[in-house]
Amino acid sequence: MKIEILNPIEHDGKRFERGLVELGEELSKIFLKFKHAARAVIDAVETPAQTGGGTAAPQGAPAVTKK
């Protein structure tokens, strides 16, 4: 799981510096419990099709619907 370290974290004798890191699921969950220390990274960007939106009709043109 990718997370962003916001503030340096020391865990189990290892120091994790600021930036994006790939960690195991369990360690990521531990770090994400502390909002000031880390946050989850979203890999995919939603497209209008994924959010239920569509392509808008051009300005001034009526929208055409199929019957």
Protein backbone atom coordinates (compact mmCIF):
# COMPACT_ATOMS: atom_id res chain seq x y z
CA MET A 1 0.00 0.00 0.00
CA LYS A 2 1.32 3.46 -0.86
CA ILE A 3 1.19 6.12 1.83
CA GLU A 4 2.68 9.57 2.22
CA ILE A 5 4.78 10.15 5.32
CA LEU A 6 3.98 13.70 6.46
CA ASN A 7 6.39 13.78 9.42
CA PRO A 8 9.33 11.44 10.06
CA ILE A 9 8.35 8.24 11.90
CA GLU A 10 10.57 5.88 13.85
CA HIS A 11 9.21 2.35 14.07
CA ASP A 12 10.91 -0.86 15.12
CA GLY A 13 14.39 0.69 14.92
CA LYS A 14 13.87 2.14 11.43
CA ARG A 15 13.31 5.79 10.50
CA PHE A 16 10.80 6.60 7.75
CA GLU A 17 11.40 10.06 6.26
CA ARG A 18 8.85 12.36 4.58
CA GLY A 19 7.61 11.32 1.15
CA LEU A 20 5.81 8.52 -0.66
CA VAL A 21 6.57 4.97 0.46
CA GLU A 22 5.25 1.51 -0.33
CA LEU A 23 4.60 -0.49 2.84
CA GLY A 24 2.86 -3.69 3.82
CA GLU A 25 -0.84 -3.51 4.69
CA GLU A 26 -0.38 -3.96 8.46
CA LEU A 27 2.39 -1.36 8.84
CA SER A 28 0.45 1.10 6.68
CA LYS A 29 -2.60 0.73 8.92
CA ILE A 30 -0.49 1.48 11.99
CA PHE A 31 0.97 4.64 10.44
CA LEU A 32 -2.42 5.83 9.12
CA LYS A 33 -3.86 5.82 12.65
CA PHE A 34 -1.85 8.99 13.25
CA LYS A 35 -3.26 11.71 10.95
CA HIS A 36 -0.35 14.07 11.65
CA ALA A 37 2.17 11.43 10.57
CA ALA A 38 0.84 9.83 7.38
CA ARG A 39 -1.98 9.75 4.85
CA ALA A 40 -3.15 7.29 2.21
CA VAL A 41 -2.25 7.88 -1.43
CA ILE A 42 -4.96 7.46 -4.07
CA ASP A 43 -3.53 5.72 -7.14
CA ALA A 44 -6.37 6.24 -9.61
CA VAL A 45 -8.08 9.46 -10.58
CA GLU A 46 -11.84 9.19 -11.04
CA THR A 47 -13.18 9.93 -14.50
CA PRO A 48 -16.66 11.37 -15.13
CA ALA A 49 -17.84 7.92 -16.31
CA GLN A 50 -16.86 6.39 -12.94
CA THR A 51 -18.73 9.06 -10.98
CA GLY A 52 -21.95 8.73 -12.96
CA GLY A 53 -21.42 11.95 -14.90
CA GLY A 54 -21.29 12.21 -18.62
CA THR A 55 -20.17 14.50 -21.36
CA ALA A 56 -22.00 17.81 -21.29
CA ALA A 57 -23.68 19.09 -24.44
CA PRO A 58 -21.74 21.89 -26.16
CA GLN A 59 -22.76 25.39 -25.02
CA GLY A 60 -25.82 26.58 -26.93
CA ALA A 61 -26.67 23.14 -28.40
CA PRO A 62 -29.59 21.13 -27.04
CA ALA A 63 -28.81 17.78 -25.48
CA VAL A 64 -29.94 14.82 -27.62
CA THR A 65 -31.45 11.80 -25.94
CA LYS A 66 -32.17 8.41 -27.52
CA LYS A 67 -35.70 7.05 -27.38
